[in-house]
Amino acid sequence: MSHPQSYEILLVPEFTETGNSGTGGPGQAIRSAVVEATGETGESGYPRYSGDGMVADIDPATHTVEALLVDGSEIDYGLSARIAERHGPESGPGNGPESGPERNDD
């Protein structure tokens, strides 16, 4: 199985029963980064990706962020990481990543 060479990671506030945290609302990204494959395996056992101040271990089978550091620190409680797969050099203006954490190639 070939691993994607890059992803876009989106940090979003999580949904809560009492509303949002006031930092952009549920589902709206408050920060994003494009991370590229490093060729290394992280401590979680998944491929490591790095870029724009983020280092992440991502499970390519489920498109799940298994470990994440932002500017060298773990993310705060109440934030969630989502990913959108990027498709190599043709990903540019007008050809960006798909929104949401999952893809459907049907």
C-alpha atoms as a PDB file:
ATOM      1  CA  MET A   1       0.000   0.000   0.000  1.00  0.00           C
ATOM      2  CA  SER A   2       1.333   3.394  -0.997  1.00  0.00           C
ATOM      3  CA  HIS A   3       1.147   6.121   1.620  1.00  0.00           C
ATOM      4  CA  PRO A   4      -0.007   9.632   0.645  1.00  0.00           C
ATOM      5  CA  GLN A   5       2.911  12.057   0.465  1.00  0.00           C
ATOM      6  CA  SER A   6       1.070  14.958   2.073  1.00  0.00           C
ATOM      7  CA  TYR A   7      -2.027  15.900   4.017  1.00  0.00           C
ATOM      8  CA  GLU A   8      -3.630  19.082   5.175  1.00  0.00           C
ATOM      9  CA  ILE A   9      -4.288  19.003   8.921  1.00  0.00           C
ATOM     10  CA  LEU A  10      -7.122  21.148  10.234  1.00  0.00           C
ATOM     11  CA  LEU A  11      -7.439  22.008  13.936  1.00  0.00           C
ATOM     12  CA  VAL A  12     -11.087  22.484  14.821  1.00  0.00           C
ATOM     13  CA  PRO A  13     -12.983  23.041  18.070  1.00  0.00           C
ATOM     14  CA  GLU A  14     -14.913  19.930  19.120  1.00  0.00           C
ATOM     15  CA  PHE A  15     -18.699  19.911  19.433  1.00  0.00           C
ATOM     16  CA  THR A  16     -20.007  20.249  22.975  1.00  0.00           C
ATOM     17  CA  GLU A  17     -23.509  20.088  24.430  1.00  0.00           C
ATOM     18  CA  THR A  18     -23.257  23.681  25.696  1.00  0.00           C
ATOM     19  CA  GLY A  19     -22.121  25.176  22.404  1.00  0.00           C
ATOM     20  CA  ASN A  20     -18.708  26.096  21.116  1.00  0.00           C
ATOM     21  CA  SER A  21     -15.627  27.487  22.755  1.00  0.00           C
ATOM     22  CA  GLY A  22     -15.900  30.834  20.957  1.00  0.00           C
ATOM     23  CA  THR A  23     -12.720  30.219  18.959  1.00  0.00           C
ATOM     24  CA  GLY A  24     -14.228  29.777  15.525  1.00  0.00           C
ATOM     25  CA  GLY A  25     -17.211  27.532  16.141  1.00  0.00           C
ATOM     26  CA  PRO A  26     -17.611  23.800  15.715  1.00  0.00           C
ATOM     27  CA  GLY A  27     -16.292  22.551  12.400  1.00  0.00           C
ATOM     28  CA  GLN A  28     -14.413  25.726  11.431  1.00  0.00           C
ATOM     29  CA  ALA A  29     -10.645  25.334  11.322  1.00  0.00           C
ATOM     30  CA  ILE A  30      -8.767  27.699  13.600  1.00  0.00           C
ATOM     31  CA  ARG A  31      -5.409  26.604  12.164  1.00  0.00           C
ATOM     32  CA  SER A  32      -4.252  24.452   9.288  1.00  0.00           C
ATOM     33  CA  ALA A  33      -0.968  23.108   7.985  1.00  0.00           C
ATOM     34  CA  VAL A  34       0.240  21.117   5.021  1.00  0.00           C
ATOM     35  CA  VAL A  35       2.453  18.278   6.222  1.00  0.00           C
ATOM     36  CA  GLU A  36       4.741  16.171   4.044  1.00  0.00           C
ATOM     37  CA  ALA A  37       5.894  12.578   4.579  1.00  0.00           C
ATOM     38  CA  THR A  38       9.268  12.446   6.353  1.00  0.00           C
ATOM     39  CA  GLY A  39      10.008   8.802   5.540  1.00  0.00           C
ATOM     40  CA  GLU A  40      10.163   8.046   9.261  1.00  0.00           C
ATOM     41  CA  THR A  41       7.815   6.064  11.472  1.00  0.00           C
ATOM     42  CA  GLY A  42       6.586   7.807  14.613  1.00  0.00           C
ATOM     43  CA  GLU A  43       6.434   6.362  18.108  1.00  0.00           C
ATOM     44  CA  SER A  44       2.806   5.448  17.430  1.00  0.00           C
ATOM     45  CA  GLY A  45       3.974   3.102  14.660  1.00  0.00           C
ATOM     46  CA  TYR A  46       2.409   5.146  11.856  1.00  0.00           C
ATOM     47  CA  PRO A  47       4.133   7.200   9.142  1.00  0.00           C
ATOM     48  CA  ARG A  48       5.337  10.622  10.277  1.00  0.00           C
ATOM     49  CA  TYR A  49       4.473  13.859   8.481  1.00  0.00           C
ATOM     50  CA  SER A  50       5.869  17.328   9.172  1.00  0.00           C
ATOM     51  CA  GLY A  51       5.390  20.928   8.043  1.00  0.00           C
ATOM     52  CA  ASP A  52       4.144  24.411   8.936  1.00  0.00           C
ATOM     53  CA  GLY A  53       4.861  23.901  12.658  1.00  0.00           C
ATOM     54  CA  MET A  54       3.068  20.550  12.946  1.00  0.00           C
ATOM     55  CA  VAL A  55       4.444  17.027  13.317  1.00  0.00           C
ATOM     56  CA  ALA A  56       1.906  14.216  13.016  1.00  0.00           C
ATOM     57  CA  ASP A  57       1.739  10.432  12.921  1.00  0.00           C
ATOM     58  CA  ILE A  58      -1.091   9.547  10.533  1.00  0.00           C
ATOM     59  CA  ASP A  59      -2.724   6.164   9.894  1.00  0.00           C
ATOM     60  CA  PRO A  60      -3.022   6.133   6.077  1.00  0.00           C
ATOM     61  CA  ALA A  61      -5.643   3.346   6.128  1.00  0.00           C
ATOM     62  CA  THR A  62      -8.158   5.264   8.249  1.00  0.00           C
ATOM     63  CA  HIS A  63      -6.926   8.835   7.653  1.00  0.00           C
ATOM     64  CA  THR A  64      -6.677   9.323  11.412  1.00  0.00           C
ATOM     65  CA  VAL A  65      -4.186  11.583  13.180  1.00  0.00           C
ATOM     66  CA  GLU A  66      -2.719   9.254  15.812  1.00  0.00           C
ATOM     67  CA  ALA A  67      -0.249  11.741  17.349  1.00  0.00           C
ATOM     68  CA  LEU A  68       0.186  15.485  16.865  1.00  0.00           C
ATOM     69  CA  LEU A  69       2.493  18.246  18.030  1.00  0.00           C
ATOM     70  CA  VAL A  70       1.784  21.861  17.143  1.00  0.00           C
ATOM     71  CA  ASP A  71       4.756  24.181  17.545  1.00  0.00           C
ATOM     72  CA  GLY A  72       6.361  21.475  19.724  1.00  0.00           C
ATOM     73  CA  SER A  73       3.398  21.037  22.097  1.00  0.00           C
ATOM     74  CA  GLU A  74       0.354  18.772  22.324  1.00  0.00           C
ATOM     75  CA  ILE A  75      -2.929  20.368  21.301  1.00  0.00           C
ATOM     76  CA  ASP A  76      -5.228  21.810  23.957  1.00  0.00           C
ATOM     77  CA  TYR A  77      -8.291  19.946  25.194  1.00  0.00           C
ATOM     78  CA  GLY A  78     -11.328  20.926  23.184  1.00  0.00           C
ATOM     79  CA  LEU A  79      -9.484  20.866  19.861  1.00  0.00           C
ATOM     80  CA  SER A  80      -9.647  18.067  17.346  1.00  0.00           C
ATOM     81  CA  ALA A  81      -7.431  17.294  14.350  1.00  0.00           C
ATOM     82  CA  ARG A  82      -8.975  16.492  10.965  1.00  0.00           C
ATOM     83  CA  ILE A  83      -7.136  15.681   7.776  1.00  0.00           C
ATOM     84  CA  ALA A  84      -7.725  16.093   4.082  1.00  0.00           C
ATOM     85  CA  GLU A  85      -5.523  14.101   1.721  1.00  0.00           C
ATOM     86  CA  ARG A  86      -3.516  16.071  -0.800  1.00  0.00           C
ATOM     87  CA  HIS A  87      -2.695  14.620  -4.205  1.00  0.00           C
ATOM     88  CA  GLY A  88       0.896  15.605  -4.973  1.00  0.00           C
ATOM     89  CA  PRO A  89       2.084  18.491  -7.164  1.00  0.00           C
ATOM     90  CA  GLU A  90      -1.224  18.944  -8.976  1.00  0.00           C
ATOM     91  CA  SER A  91      -2.706  20.140  -5.664  1.00  0.00           C
ATOM     92  CA  GLY A  92      -2.716  23.859  -6.119  1.00  0.00           C
ATOM     93  CA  PRO A  93      -5.201  26.663  -6.378  1.00  0.00           C
ATOM     94  CA  GLY A  94      -8.444  25.173  -7.613  1.00  0.00           C
ATOM     95  CA  ASN A  95      -7.191  21.608  -7.030  1.00  0.00           C
ATOM     96  CA  GLY A  96      -6.911  21.658  -3.243  1.00  0.00           C
ATOM     97  CA  PRO A  97      -7.560  18.914  -0.712  1.00  0.00           C
ATOM     98  CA  GLU A  98     -10.952  17.470  -0.147  1.00  0.00           C
ATOM     99  CA  SER A  99     -12.802  18.799   2.857  1.00  0.00           C
ATOM    100  CA  GLY A 100     -13.475  16.571   5.831  1.00  0.00           C
ATOM    101  CA  PRO A 101     -11.599  13.686   7.363  1.00  0.00           C
ATOM    102  CA  GLU A 102     -12.747  10.998   4.923  1.00  0.00           C
ATOM    103  CA  ARG A 103     -12.642  10.457   1.190  1.00  0.00           C
ATOM    104  CA  ASN A 104     -15.004   8.604  -1.088  1.00  0.00           C
ATOM    105  CA  ASP A 105     -13.399   7.511  -4.351  1.00  0.00           C
ATOM    106  CA  ASP A 106     -16.618   6.057  -5.820  1.00  0.00           C
END
